[in-house]
PDB file of N, CA and C in Angstrom:
ATOM      1  N   UNK A   1     -17.007  12.318 -13.638  1.00  0.00           N
ATOM      2  CA  UNK A   1     -16.758  11.287 -14.613  1.00  0.00           C
ATOM      3  C   UNK A   1     -15.312  10.824 -14.458  1.00  0.00           C
ATOM      4  N   UNK A   2     -15.124   9.499 -14.466  1.00  0.00           N
ATOM      5  CA  UNK A   2     -13.791   8.936 -14.328  1.00  0.00           C
ATOM      6  C   UNK A   2     -13.669   7.738 -15.251  1.00  0.00           C
ATOM      7  N   UNK A   3     -12.727   7.780 -16.168  1.00  0.00           N
ATOM      8  CA  UNK A   3     -12.513   6.673 -17.079  1.00  0.00           C
ATOM      9  C   UNK A   3     -13.749   6.295 -17.872  1.00  0.00           C
ATOM     10  N   UNK A   4     -14.556   7.281 -18.201  1.00  0.00           N
ATOM     11  CA  UNK A   4     -15.775   7.005 -18.960  1.00  0.00           C
ATOM     12  C   UNK A   4     -16.966   6.649 -18.097  1.00  0.00           C
ATOM     13  N   UNK A   5     -16.771   6.476 -16.790  1.00  0.00           N
ATOM     14  CA  UNK A   5     -17.886   6.149 -15.896  1.00  0.00           C
ATOM     15  C   UNK A   5     -18.387   7.426 -15.223  1.00  0.00           C
ATOM     16  N   UNK A   6     -19.662   7.687 -15.399  1.00  0.00           N
ATOM     17  CA  UNK A   6     -20.291   8.853 -14.790  1.00  0.00           C
ATOM     18  C   UNK A   6     -21.181   8.371 -13.655  1.00  0.00           C
ATOM     19  N   UNK A   7     -21.014   8.980 -12.491  1.00  0.00           N
ATOM     20  CA  UNK A   7     -21.797   8.614 -11.314  1.00  0.00           C
ATOM     21  C   UNK A   7     -22.410   9.887 -10.748  1.00  0.00           C
ATOM     22  N   UNK A   8     -23.722   9.891 -10.596  1.00  0.00           N
ATOM     23  CA  UNK A   8     -24.393  11.040 -10.000  1.00  0.00           C
ATOM     24  C   UNK A   8     -24.264  10.964  -8.482  1.00  0.00           C
ATOM     25  N   UNK A   9     -24.561  12.074  -7.814  1.00  0.00           N
ATOM     26  CA  UNK A   9     -24.533  12.063  -6.354  1.00  0.00           C
ATOM     27  C   UNK A   9     -25.540  11.060  -5.805  1.00  0.00           C
ATOM     28  N   UNK A  10     -26.692  10.967  -6.451  1.00  0.00           N
ATOM     29  CA  UNK A  10     -27.713  10.013  -6.019  1.00  0.00           C
ATOM     30  C   UNK A  10     -27.240   8.576  -6.140  1.00  0.00           C
ATOM     31  N   UNK A  11     -26.576   8.259  -7.249  1.00  0.00           N
ATOM     32  CA  UNK A  11     -26.039   6.906  -7.446  1.00  0.00           C
ATOM     33  C   UNK A  11     -24.932   6.603  -6.442  1.00  0.00           C
ATOM     34  N   UNK A  12     -24.096   7.584  -6.184  1.00  0.00           N
ATOM     35  CA  UNK A  12     -23.027   7.423  -5.202  1.00  0.00           C
ATOM     36  C   UNK A  12     -23.621   7.118  -3.834  1.00  0.00           C
ATOM     37  N   UNK A  13     -24.642   7.852  -3.457  1.00  0.00           N
ATOM     38  CA  UNK A  13     -25.318   7.647  -2.175  1.00  0.00           C
ATOM     39  C   UNK A  13     -25.927   6.246  -2.091  1.00  0.00           C
ATOM     40  N   UNK A  14     -26.605   5.825  -3.144  1.00  0.00           N
ATOM     41  CA  UNK A  14     -27.238   4.504  -3.147  1.00  0.00           C
ATOM     42  C   UNK A  14     -26.196   3.390  -3.058  1.00  0.00           C
ATOM     43  N   UNK A  15     -25.134   3.504  -3.837  1.00  0.00           N
ATOM     44  CA  UNK A  15     -24.087   2.477  -3.814  1.00  0.00           C
ATOM     45  C   UNK A  15     -23.406   2.419  -2.451  1.00  0.00           C
ATOM     46  N   UNK A  16     -23.160   3.578  -1.852  1.00  0.00           N
ATOM     47  CA  UNK A  16     -22.534   3.611  -0.527  1.00  0.00           C
ATOM     48  C   UNK A  16     -23.464   3.013   0.522  1.00  0.00           C
ATOM     49  N   UNK A  17     -24.765   3.304   0.433  1.00  0.00           N
ATOM     50  CA  UNK A  17     -25.721   2.736   1.383  1.00  0.00           C
ATOM     51  C   UNK A  17     -25.761   1.219   1.282  1.00  0.00           C
ATOM     52  N   UNK A  18     -25.787   0.700   0.051  1.00  0.00           N
ATOM     53  CA  UNK A  18     -25.820  -0.759  -0.146  1.00  0.00           C
ATOM     54  C   UNK A  18     -24.559  -1.412   0.430  1.00  0.00           C
ATOM     55  N   UNK A  19     -23.404  -0.826   0.139  1.00  0.00           N
ATOM     56  CA  UNK A  19     -22.156  -1.386   0.643  1.00  0.00           C
ATOM     57  C   UNK A  19     -22.095  -1.280   2.161  1.00  0.00           C
ATOM     58  N   UNK A  20     -22.563  -0.172   2.715  1.00  0.00           N
ATOM     59  CA  UNK A  20     -22.572  -0.012   4.171  1.00  0.00           C
ATOM     60  C   UNK A  20     -23.447  -1.076   4.831  1.00  0.00           C
ATOM     61  N   UNK A  21     -24.590  -1.364   4.261  1.00  0.00           N
ATOM     62  CA  UNK A  21     -25.459  -2.408   4.803  1.00  0.00           C
ATOM     63  C   UNK A  21     -24.784  -3.781   4.700  1.00  0.00           C
ATOM     64  N   UNK A  22     -24.083  -4.012   3.604  1.00  0.00           N
ATOM     65  CA  UNK A  22     -23.344  -5.266   3.439  1.00  0.00           C
ATOM     66  C   UNK A  22     -22.251  -5.373   4.505  1.00  0.00           C
ATOM     67  N   UNK A  23     -21.533  -4.276   4.730  1.00  0.00           N
ATOM     68  CA  UNK A  23     -20.494  -4.265   5.760  1.00  0.00           C
ATOM     69  C   UNK A  23     -21.077  -4.498   7.146  1.00  0.00           C
ATOM     70  N   UNK A  24     -22.216  -3.867   7.418  1.00  0.00           N
ATOM     71  CA  UNK A  24     -22.886  -4.076   8.714  1.00  0.00           C
ATOM     72  C   UNK A  24     -23.227  -5.547   8.919  1.00  0.00           C
ATOM     73  N   UNK A  25     -23.664  -6.195   7.833  1.00  0.00           N
ATOM     74  CA  UNK A  25     -23.968  -7.618   7.895  1.00  0.00           C
ATOM     75  C   UNK A  25     -22.749  -8.471   8.220  1.00  0.00           C
ATOM     76  N   UNK A  26     -21.568  -7.944   7.939  1.00  0.00           N
ATOM     77  CA  UNK A  26     -20.319  -8.641   8.256  1.00  0.00           C
ATOM     78  C   UNK A  26     -19.797  -8.268   9.643  1.00  0.00           C
ATOM     79  N   UNK A  27     -20.555  -7.432  10.356  1.00  0.00           N
ATOM     80  CA  UNK A  27     -20.165  -7.054  11.707  1.00  0.00           C
ATOM     81  C   UNK A  27     -19.382  -5.765  11.813  1.00  0.00           C
ATOM     82  N   UNK A  28     -19.265  -5.022  10.731  1.00  0.00           N
ATOM     83  CA  UNK A  28     -18.540  -3.743  10.766  1.00  0.00           C
ATOM     84  C   UNK A  28     -19.446  -2.696  11.399  1.00  0.00           C
ATOM     85  N   UNK A  29     -18.941  -2.060  12.450  1.00  0.00           N
ATOM     86  CA  UNK A  29     -19.698  -0.989  13.092  1.00  0.00           C
ATOM     87  C   UNK A  29     -18.727   0.032  13.660  1.00  0.00           C
ATOM     88  N   UNK A  30     -19.237   0.921  14.485  1.00  0.00           N
ATOM     89  CA  UNK A  30     -18.414   1.985  15.050  1.00  0.00           C
ATOM     90  C   UNK A  30     -17.189   1.394  15.738  1.00  0.00           C
ATOM     91  N   UNK A  31     -16.057   1.983  15.457  1.00  0.00           N
ATOM     92  CA  UNK A  31     -14.812   1.533  16.063  1.00  0.00           C
ATOM     93  C   UNK A  31     -14.040   0.539  15.221  1.00  0.00           C
ATOM     94  N   UNK A  32     -14.659  -0.028  14.215  1.00  0.00           N
ATOM     95  CA  UNK A  32     -13.957  -0.964  13.331  1.00  0.00           C
ATOM     96  C   UNK A  32     -13.046  -0.195  12.386  1.00  0.00           C
ATOM     97  N   UNK A  33     -12.118  -0.912  11.789  1.00  0.00           N
ATOM     98  CA  UNK A  33     -11.216  -0.316  10.802  1.00  0.00           C
ATOM     99  C   UNK A  33     -11.338  -1.127   9.522  1.00  0.00           C
ATOM    100  N   UNK A  34     -11.669  -0.429   8.436  1.00  0.00           N
ATOM    101  CA  UNK A  34     -11.878  -1.043   7.133  1.00  0.00           C
ATOM    102  C   UNK A  34     -10.754  -0.602   6.204  1.00  0.00           C
ATOM    103  N   UNK A  35     -10.148  -1.535   5.527  1.00  0.00           N
ATOM    104  CA  UNK A  35      -9.132  -1.213   4.539  1.00  0.00           C
ATOM    105  C   UNK A  35      -9.776  -1.010   3.177  1.00  0.00           C
ATOM    106  N   UNK A  36      -9.273  -0.063   2.415  1.00  0.00           N
ATOM    107  CA  UNK A  36      -9.762   0.197   1.057  1.00  0.00           C
ATOM    108  C   UNK A  36      -8.559   0.098   0.130  1.00  0.00           C
ATOM    109  N   UNK A  37      -8.501  -1.002  -0.629  1.00  0.00           N
ATOM    110  CA  UNK A  37      -7.384  -1.252  -1.531  1.00  0.00           C
ATOM    111  C   UNK A  37      -7.944  -1.389  -2.948  1.00  0.00           C
ATOM    112  N   UNK A  38      -8.128  -0.248  -3.595  1.00  0.00           N
ATOM    113  CA  UNK A  38      -8.741  -0.186  -4.919  1.00  0.00           C
ATOM    114  C   UNK A  38      -7.956   0.770  -5.800  1.00  0.00           C
ATOM    115  N   UNK A  39      -8.015   0.515  -7.109  1.00  0.00           N
ATOM    116  CA  UNK A  39      -7.469   1.470  -8.050  1.00  0.00           C
ATOM    117  C   UNK A  39      -8.365   2.706  -8.055  1.00  0.00           C
ATOM    118  N   UNK A  40      -7.841   3.826  -8.493  1.00  0.00           N
ATOM    119  CA  UNK A  40      -8.614   5.073  -8.523  1.00  0.00           C
ATOM    120  C   UNK A  40      -9.878   4.912  -9.341  1.00  0.00           C
ATOM    121  N   UNK A  41     -10.945   5.513  -8.839  1.00  0.00           N
ATOM    122  CA  UNK A  41     -12.222   5.466  -9.529  1.00  0.00           C
ATOM    123  C   UNK A  41     -13.354   5.652  -8.542  1.00  0.00           C
ATOM    124  N   UNK A  42     -14.579   5.613  -9.017  1.00  0.00           N
ATOM    125  CA  UNK A  42     -15.743   5.809  -8.149  1.00  0.00           C
ATOM    126  C   UNK A  42     -15.842   4.802  -7.008  1.00  0.00           C
ATOM    127  N   UNK A  43     -15.324   3.599  -7.210  1.00  0.00           N
ATOM    128  CA  UNK A  43     -15.379   2.581  -6.160  1.00  0.00           C
ATOM    129  C   UNK A  43     -14.694   3.006  -4.880  1.00  0.00           C
ATOM    130  N   UNK A  44     -13.631   3.798  -5.000  1.00  0.00           N
ATOM    131  CA  UNK A  44     -12.922   4.289  -3.818  1.00  0.00           C
ATOM    132  C   UNK A  44     -13.843   5.192  -2.999  1.00  0.00           C
ATOM    133  N   UNK A  45     -14.539   6.096  -3.663  1.00  0.00           N
ATOM    134  CA  UNK A  45     -15.466   6.992  -2.954  1.00  0.00           C
ATOM    135  C   UNK A  45     -16.596   6.208  -2.305  1.00  0.00           C
ATOM    136  N   UNK A  46     -17.133   5.241  -3.026  1.00  0.00           N
ATOM    137  CA  UNK A  46     -18.208   4.403  -2.491  1.00  0.00           C
ATOM    138  C   UNK A  46     -17.725   3.689  -1.231  1.00  0.00           C
ATOM    139  N   UNK A  47     -16.531   3.105  -1.287  1.00  0.00           N
ATOM    140  CA  UNK A  47     -15.993   2.373  -0.143  1.00  0.00           C
ATOM    141  C   UNK A  47     -15.747   3.281   1.061  1.00  0.00           C
ATOM    142  N   UNK A  48     -15.183   4.463   0.818  1.00  0.00           N
ATOM    143  CA  UNK A  48     -14.934   5.402   1.914  1.00  0.00           C
ATOM    144  C   UNK A  48     -16.247   5.821   2.578  1.00  0.00           C
ATOM    145  N   UNK A  49     -17.220   6.220   1.769  1.00  0.00           N
ATOM    146  CA  UNK A  49     -18.509   6.642   2.314  1.00  0.00           C
ATOM    147  C   UNK A  49     -19.195   5.503   3.064  1.00  0.00           C
ATOM    148  N   UNK A  50     -19.126   4.300   2.514  1.00  0.00           N
ATOM    149  CA  UNK A  50     -19.754   3.144   3.170  1.00  0.00           C
ATOM    150  C   UNK A  50     -19.124   2.896   4.532  1.00  0.00           C
ATOM    151  N   UNK A  51     -17.798   2.975   4.617  1.00  0.00           N
ATOM    152  CA  UNK A  51     -17.125   2.776   5.906  1.00  0.00           C
ATOM    153  C   UNK A  51     -17.602   3.824   6.908  1.00  0.00           C
ATOM    154  N   UNK A  52     -17.654   5.078   6.473  1.00  0.00           N
ATOM    155  CA  UNK A  52     -18.115   6.147   7.367  1.00  0.00           C
ATOM    156  C   UNK A  52     -19.554   5.917   7.818  1.00  0.00           C
ATOM    157  N   UNK A  53     -20.390   5.445   6.917  1.00  0.00           N
ATOM    158  CA  UNK A  53     -21.798   5.232   7.254  1.00  0.00           C
ATOM    159  C   UNK A  53     -21.972   4.159   8.324  1.00  0.00           C
ATOM    160  N   UNK A  54     -21.023   3.223   8.414  1.00  0.00           N
ATOM    161  CA  UNK A  54     -21.097   2.194   9.454  1.00  0.00           C
ATOM    162  C   UNK A  54     -20.524   2.707  10.773  1.00  0.00           C
ATOM    163  N   UNK A  55     -19.846   3.841  10.729  1.00  0.00           N
ATOM    164  CA  UNK A  55     -19.190   4.372  11.915  1.00  0.00           C
ATOM    165  C   UNK A  55     -17.738   3.937  12.018  1.00  0.00           C
ATOM    166  N   UNK A  56     -17.279   3.183  11.024  1.00  0.00           N
ATOM    167  CA  UNK A  56     -15.903   2.688  11.022  1.00  0.00           C
ATOM    168  C   UNK A  56     -14.952   3.728  10.442  1.00  0.00           C
ATOM    169  N   UNK A  57     -13.693   3.521  10.714  1.00  0.00           N
ATOM    170  CA  UNK A  57     -12.638   4.299  10.073  1.00  0.00           C
ATOM    171  C   UNK A  57     -12.203   3.530   8.838  1.00  0.00           C
ATOM    172  N   UNK A  58     -11.576   4.227   7.904  1.00  0.00           N
ATOM    173  CA  UNK A  58     -11.046   3.521   6.740  1.00  0.00           C
ATOM    174  C   UNK A  58      -9.569   3.846   6.588  1.00  0.00           C
ATOM    175  N   UNK A  59      -8.844   2.882   6.047  1.00  0.00           N
ATOM    176  CA  UNK A  59      -7.424   3.049   5.778  1.00  0.00           C
ATOM    177  C   UNK A  59      -7.214   2.842   4.286  1.00  0.00           C
ATOM    178  N   UNK A  60      -6.815   3.888   3.553  1.00  0.00           N
ATOM    179  CA  UNK A  60      -6.548   3.705   2.122  1.00  0.00           C
ATOM    180  C   UNK A  60      -5.202   3.013   1.928  1.00  0.00           C
ATOM    181  N   UNK A  61      -5.204   1.998   1.081  1.00  0.00           N
ATOM    182  CA  UNK A  61      -3.982   1.250   0.791  1.00  0.00           C
ATOM    183  C   UNK A  61      -3.817   1.186  -0.721  1.00  0.00           C
ATOM    184  N   UNK A  62      -2.717   1.673  -1.211  1.00  0.00           N
ATOM    185  CA  UNK A  62      -2.438   1.682  -2.647  1.00  0.00           C
ATOM    186  C   UNK A  62      -2.194   0.255  -3.130  1.00  0.00           C
ATOM    187  N   UNK A  63      -3.008  -0.234  -4.086  1.00  0.00           N
ATOM    188  CA  UNK A  63      -2.800  -1.597  -4.575  1.00  0.00           C
ATOM    189  C   UNK A  63      -1.476  -1.774  -5.315  1.00  0.00           C
ATOM    190  N   UNK A  64      -0.808  -0.684  -5.648  1.00  0.00           N
ATOM    191  CA  UNK A  64       0.473  -0.759  -6.334  1.00  0.00           C
ATOM    192  C   UNK A  64       1.665  -0.970  -5.411  1.00  0.00           C
ATOM    193  N   UNK A  65       1.438  -0.903  -4.101  1.00  0.00           N
ATOM    194  CA  UNK A  65       2.523  -1.118  -3.156  1.00  0.00           C
ATOM    195  C   UNK A  65       2.921  -2.594  -3.126  1.00  0.00           C
ATOM    196  N   UNK A  66       4.153  -2.884  -2.736  1.00  0.00           N
ATOM    197  CA  UNK A  66       4.552  -4.290  -2.575  1.00  0.00           C
ATOM    198  C   UNK A  66       3.674  -4.980  -1.523  1.00  0.00           C
ATOM    199  N   UNK A  67       3.450  -6.269  -1.711  1.00  0.00           N
ATOM    200  CA  UNK A  67       2.576  -7.040  -0.823  1.00  0.00           C
ATOM    201  C   UNK A  67       2.967  -6.966   0.638  1.00  0.00           C
ATOM    202  N   UNK A  68       4.252  -6.998   0.921  1.00  0.00           N
ATOM    203  CA  UNK A  68       4.710  -6.930   2.313  1.00  0.00           C
ATOM    204  C   UNK A  68       4.340  -5.604   2.953  1.00  0.00           C
ATOM    205  N   UNK A  69       4.461  -4.529   2.187  1.00  0.00           N
ATOM    206  CA  UNK A  69       4.125  -3.190   2.715  1.00  0.00           C
ATOM    207  C   UNK A  69       2.624  -3.094   2.993  1.00  0.00           C
ATOM    208  N   UNK A  70       1.804  -3.595   2.044  1.00  0.00           N
ATOM    209  CA  UNK A  70       0.347  -3.588   2.256  1.00  0.00           C
ATOM    210  C   UNK A  70      -0.010  -4.405   3.483  1.00  0.00           C
ATOM    211  N   UNK A  71       0.597  -5.575   3.631  1.00  0.00           N
ATOM    212  CA  UNK A  71       0.309  -6.437   4.780  1.00  0.00           C
ATOM    213  C   UNK A  71       0.654  -5.732   6.087  1.00  0.00           C
ATOM    214  N   UNK A  72       1.790  -5.059   6.114  1.00  0.00           N
ATOM    215  CA  UNK A  72       2.195  -4.326   7.311  1.00  0.00           C
ATOM    216  C   UNK A  72       1.176  -3.230   7.639  1.00  0.00           C
ATOM    217  N   UNK A  73       0.797  -2.455   6.630  1.00  0.00           N
ATOM    218  CA  UNK A  73      -0.147  -1.360   6.852  1.00  0.00           C
ATOM    219  C   UNK A  73      -1.480  -1.878   7.385  1.00  0.00           C
ATOM    220  N   UNK A  74      -2.000  -2.946   6.792  1.00  0.00           N
ATOM    221  CA  UNK A  74      -3.294  -3.495   7.204  1.00  0.00           C
ATOM    222  C   UNK A  74      -3.232  -4.050   8.622  1.00  0.00           C
ATOM    223  N   UNK A  75      -2.152  -4.752   8.941  1.00  0.00           N
ATOM    224  CA  UNK A  75      -1.988  -5.329  10.282  1.00  0.00           C
ATOM    225  C   UNK A  75      -1.786  -4.234  11.313  1.00  0.00           C
ATOM    226  N   UNK A  76      -0.917  -3.292  11.015  1.00  0.00           N
ATOM    227  CA  UNK A  76      -0.611  -2.213  11.952  1.00  0.00           C
ATOM    228  C   UNK A  76      -1.839  -1.366  12.266  1.00  0.00           C
ATOM    229  N   UNK A  77      -2.703  -1.166  11.270  1.00  0.00           N
ATOM    230  CA  UNK A  77      -3.903  -0.348  11.465  1.00  0.00           C
ATOM    231  C   UNK A  77      -5.044  -1.131  12.122  1.00  0.00           C
ATOM    232  N   UNK A  78      -4.919  -2.440  12.220  1.00  0.00           N
ATOM    233  CA  UNK A  78      -5.982  -3.240  12.839  1.00  0.00           C
ATOM    234  C   UNK A  78      -7.178  -3.446  11.925  1.00  0.00           C
ATOM    235  N   UNK A  79      -6.929  -3.510  10.621  1.00  0.00           N
ATOM    236  CA  UNK A  79      -8.011  -3.691   9.650  1.00  0.00           C
ATOM    237  C   UNK A  79      -8.638  -5.071   9.833  1.00  0.00           C
ATOM    238  N   UNK A  80      -9.976  -5.104   9.902  1.00  0.00           N
ATOM    239  CA  UNK A  80     -10.693  -6.371  10.038  1.00  0.00           C
ATOM    240  C   UNK A  80     -11.376  -6.786   8.742  1.00  0.00           C
ATOM    241  N   UNK A  81     -11.724  -5.804   7.904  1.00  0.00           N
ATOM    242  CA  UNK A  81     -12.364  -6.065   6.616  1.00  0.00           C
ATOM    243  C   UNK A  81     -11.650  -5.235   5.565  1.00  0.00           C
ATOM    244  N   UNK A  82     -11.345  -5.878   4.430  1.00  0.00           N
ATOM    245  CA  UNK A  82     -10.670  -5.203   3.337  1.00  0.00           C
ATOM    246  C   UNK A  82     -11.600  -5.132   2.139  1.00  0.00           C
ATOM    247  N   UNK A  83     -11.851  -3.919   1.644  1.00  0.00           N
ATOM    248  CA  UNK A  83     -12.649  -3.725   0.428  1.00  0.00           C
ATOM    249  C   UNK A  83     -11.677  -3.626  -0.733  1.00  0.00           C
ATOM    250  N   UNK A  84     -11.846  -4.522  -1.706  1.00  0.00           N
ATOM    251  CA  UNK A  84     -10.943  -4.569  -2.848  1.00  0.00           C
ATOM    252  C   UNK A  84     -11.676  -5.159  -4.045  1.00  0.00           C
ATOM    253  N   UNK A  85     -10.953  -5.595  -5.054  1.00  0.00           N
ATOM    254  CA  UNK A  85     -11.527  -6.246  -6.230  1.00  0.00           C
ATOM    255  C   UNK A  85     -10.727  -7.500  -6.540  1.00  0.00           C
ATOM    256  N   UNK A  86     -11.296  -8.369  -7.339  1.00  0.00           N
ATOM    257  CA  UNK A  86     -10.656  -9.646  -7.655  1.00  0.00           C
ATOM    258  C   UNK A  86      -9.270  -9.477  -8.264  1.00  0.00           C
ATOM    259  N   UNK A  87      -9.070  -8.462  -9.068  1.00  0.00           N
ATOM    260  CA  UNK A  87      -7.800  -8.265  -9.740  1.00  0.00           C
ATOM    261  C   UNK A  87      -6.674  -7.753  -8.863  1.00  0.00           C
ATOM    262  N   UNK A  88      -6.979  -7.368  -7.635  1.00  0.00           N
ATOM    263  CA  UNK A  88      -5.970  -6.828  -6.725  1.00  0.00           C
ATOM    264  C   UNK A  88      -5.440  -7.970  -5.860  1.00  0.00           C
ATOM    265  N   UNK A  89      -4.131  -8.172  -5.879  1.00  0.00           N
ATOM    266  CA  UNK A  89      -3.519  -9.230  -5.087  1.00  0.00           C
ATOM    267  C   UNK A  89      -3.550  -8.817  -3.619  1.00  0.00           C
ATOM    268  N   UNK A  90      -4.374  -9.512  -2.847  1.00  0.00           N
ATOM    269  CA  UNK A  90      -4.468  -9.232  -1.416  1.00  0.00           C
ATOM    270  C   UNK A  90      -4.238 -10.503  -0.618  1.00  0.00           C
ATOM    271  N   UNK A  91      -3.419 -11.399  -1.172  1.00  0.00           N
ATOM    272  CA  UNK A  91      -3.154 -12.690  -0.535  1.00  0.00           C
ATOM    273  C   UNK A  91      -2.528 -12.527   0.848  1.00  0.00           C
ATOM    274  N   UNK A  92      -1.854 -11.404   1.059  1.00  0.00           N
ATOM    275  CA  UNK A  92      -1.177 -11.199   2.336  1.00  0.00           C
ATOM    276  C   UNK A  92      -2.145 -10.831   3.471  1.00  0.00           C
ATOM    277  N   UNK A  93      -3.397 -10.534   3.137  1.00  0.00           N
ATOM    278  CA  UNK A  93      -4.378 -10.141   4.159  1.00  0.00           C
ATOM    279  C   UNK A  93      -5.154 -11.371   4.604  1.00  0.00           C
ATOM    280  N   UNK A  94      -5.139 -11.646   5.887  1.00  0.00           N
ATOM    281  CA  UNK A  94      -5.791 -12.839   6.414  1.00  0.00           C
ATOM    282  C   UNK A  94      -7.205 -12.613   6.911  1.00  0.00           C
ATOM    283  N   UNK A  95      -7.688 -11.381   6.861  1.00  0.00           N
ATOM    284  CA  UNK A  95      -9.030 -11.077   7.359  1.00  0.00           C
ATOM    285  C   UNK A  95     -10.099 -11.242   6.295  1.00  0.00           C
ATOM    286  N   UNK A  96     -11.271 -10.745   6.609  1.00  0.00           N
ATOM    287  CA  UNK A  96     -12.422 -10.827   5.705  1.00  0.00           C
ATOM    288  C   UNK A  96     -12.247  -9.853   4.549  1.00  0.00           C
ATOM    289  N   UNK A  97     -12.570 -10.285   3.333  1.00  0.00           N
ATOM    290  CA  UNK A  97     -12.477  -9.432   2.148  1.00  0.00           C
ATOM    291  C   UNK A  97     -13.853  -9.226   1.539  1.00  0.00           C
ATOM    292  N   UNK A  98     -14.099  -8.025   1.067  1.00  0.00           N
ATOM    293  CA  UNK A  98     -15.286  -7.718   0.271  1.00  0.00           C
ATOM    294  C   UNK A  98     -14.769  -7.346  -1.107  1.00  0.00           C
ATOM    295  N   UNK A  99     -15.121  -8.163  -2.090  1.00  0.00           N
ATOM    296  CA  UNK A  99     -14.685  -7.929  -3.465  1.00  0.00           C
ATOM    297  C   UNK A  99     -15.815  -7.226  -4.206  1.00  0.00           C
ATOM    298  N   UNK A 100     -15.596  -5.958  -4.543  1.00  0.00           N
ATOM    299  CA  UNK A 100     -16.664  -5.171  -5.157  1.00  0.00           C
ATOM    300  C   UNK A 100     -17.196  -5.800  -6.436  1.00  0.00           C
ATOM    301  N   UNK A 101     -16.349  -6.489  -7.191  1.00  0.00           N
ATOM    302  CA  UNK A 101     -16.816  -7.122  -8.430  1.00  0.00           C
ATOM    303  C   UNK A 101     -17.451  -8.488  -8.161  1.00  0.00           C
ATOM    304  N   UNK A 102     -16.792  -9.355  -7.444  1.00  0.00           N
ATOM    305  CA  UNK A 102     -17.300 -10.708  -7.195  1.00  0.00           C
ATOM    306  C   UNK A 102     -18.512 -10.712  -6.267  1.00  0.00           C
ATOM    307  N   UNK A 103     -18.574  -9.770  -5.336  1.00  0.00           N
ATOM    308  CA  UNK A 103     -19.690  -9.690  -4.388  1.00  0.00           C
ATOM    309  C   UNK A 103     -20.758  -8.700  -4.834  1.00  0.00           C
ATOM    310  N   UNK A 104     -20.691  -8.247  -6.078  1.00  0.00           N
ATOM    311  CA  UNK A 104     -21.598  -7.204  -6.578  1.00  0.00           C
ATOM    312  C   UNK A 104     -23.067  -7.604  -6.441  1.00  0.00           C
ATOM    313  N   UNK A 105     -23.389  -8.854  -6.695  1.00  0.00           N
ATOM    314  CA  UNK A 105     -24.785  -9.292  -6.608  1.00  0.00           C
ATOM    315  C   UNK A 105     -25.304  -9.222  -5.175  1.00  0.00           C
ATOM    316  N   UNK A 106     -24.513  -9.676  -4.231  1.00  0.00           N
ATOM    317  CA  UNK A 106     -24.913  -9.628  -2.821  1.00  0.00           C
ATOM    318  C   UNK A 106     -25.049  -8.176  -2.344  1.00  0.00           C
ATOM    319  N   UNK A 107     -24.123  -7.327  -2.761  1.00  0.00           N
ATOM    320  CA  UNK A 107     -24.163  -5.912  -2.370  1.00  0.00           C
ATOM    321  C   UNK A 107     -25.378  -5.233  -2.985  1.00  0.00           C
ATOM    322  N   UNK A 108     -25.639  -5.515  -4.272  1.00  0.00           N
ATOM    323  CA  UNK A 108     -26.774  -4.908  -4.969  1.00  0.00           C
ATOM    324  C   UNK A 108     -28.111  -5.327  -4.357  1.00  0.00           C
ATOM    325  N   UNK A 109     -28.134  -6.464  -3.668  1.00  0.00           N
ATOM    326  CA  UNK A 109     -29.353  -6.946  -3.019  1.00  0.00           C
ATOM    327  C   UNK A 109     -29.686  -6.209  -1.734  1.00  0.00           C
ATOM    328  N   UNK A 110     -28.778  -5.402  -1.257  1.00  0.00           N
ATOM    329  CA  UNK A 110     -29.017  -4.612  -0.025  1.00  0.00           C
ATOM    330  C   UNK A 110     -29.865  -3.401  -0.345  1.00  0.00           C
ATOM    331  N   UNK A 111     -30.507  -2.878   0.668  1.00  0.00           N
ATOM    332  CA  UNK A 111     -31.341  -1.682   0.506  1.00  0.00           C
ATOM    333  C   UNK A 111     -30.482  -0.454   0.220  1.00  0.00           C
ATOM    334  N   UNK A 112     -30.956   0.400  -0.653  1.00  0.00           N
ATOM    335  CA  UNK A 112     -30.261   1.658  -0.957  1.00  0.00           C
ATOM    336  C   UNK A 112     -30.714   2.780  -0.054  1.00  0.00           C
ATOM    337  N   UNK A 113     -31.636   2.499   0.830  1.00  0.00           N
ATOM    338  CA  UNK A 113     -32.173   3.510   1.753  1.00  0.00           C
ATOM    339  C   UNK A 113     -31.158   3.863   2.816  1.00  0.00           C
TER     340      UNK A 113
END
């Protein structure tokens, strides 16, 4: 339980599978690097597991860091897709973004298998 949100292992697995399928649809596969720029909570675990399920590596980026530092980290690591939320300023990232809140409907439409 985190911040009043309780997630079972089964729910975590389903959410990670859906996000992984969404990432695959964006071309993320083995050898890719996915950035995870989220505040602490279940979404971070979902994003990490989803990246692993695609065969990609993930780079955790603290959304509290200055924009220039985040941009450097994402560029230096070769991140092609950034998983974040609408409230996180990621203007410095020029690649593809997956917004867990804004893209929730598209992600939820993916198979949980």
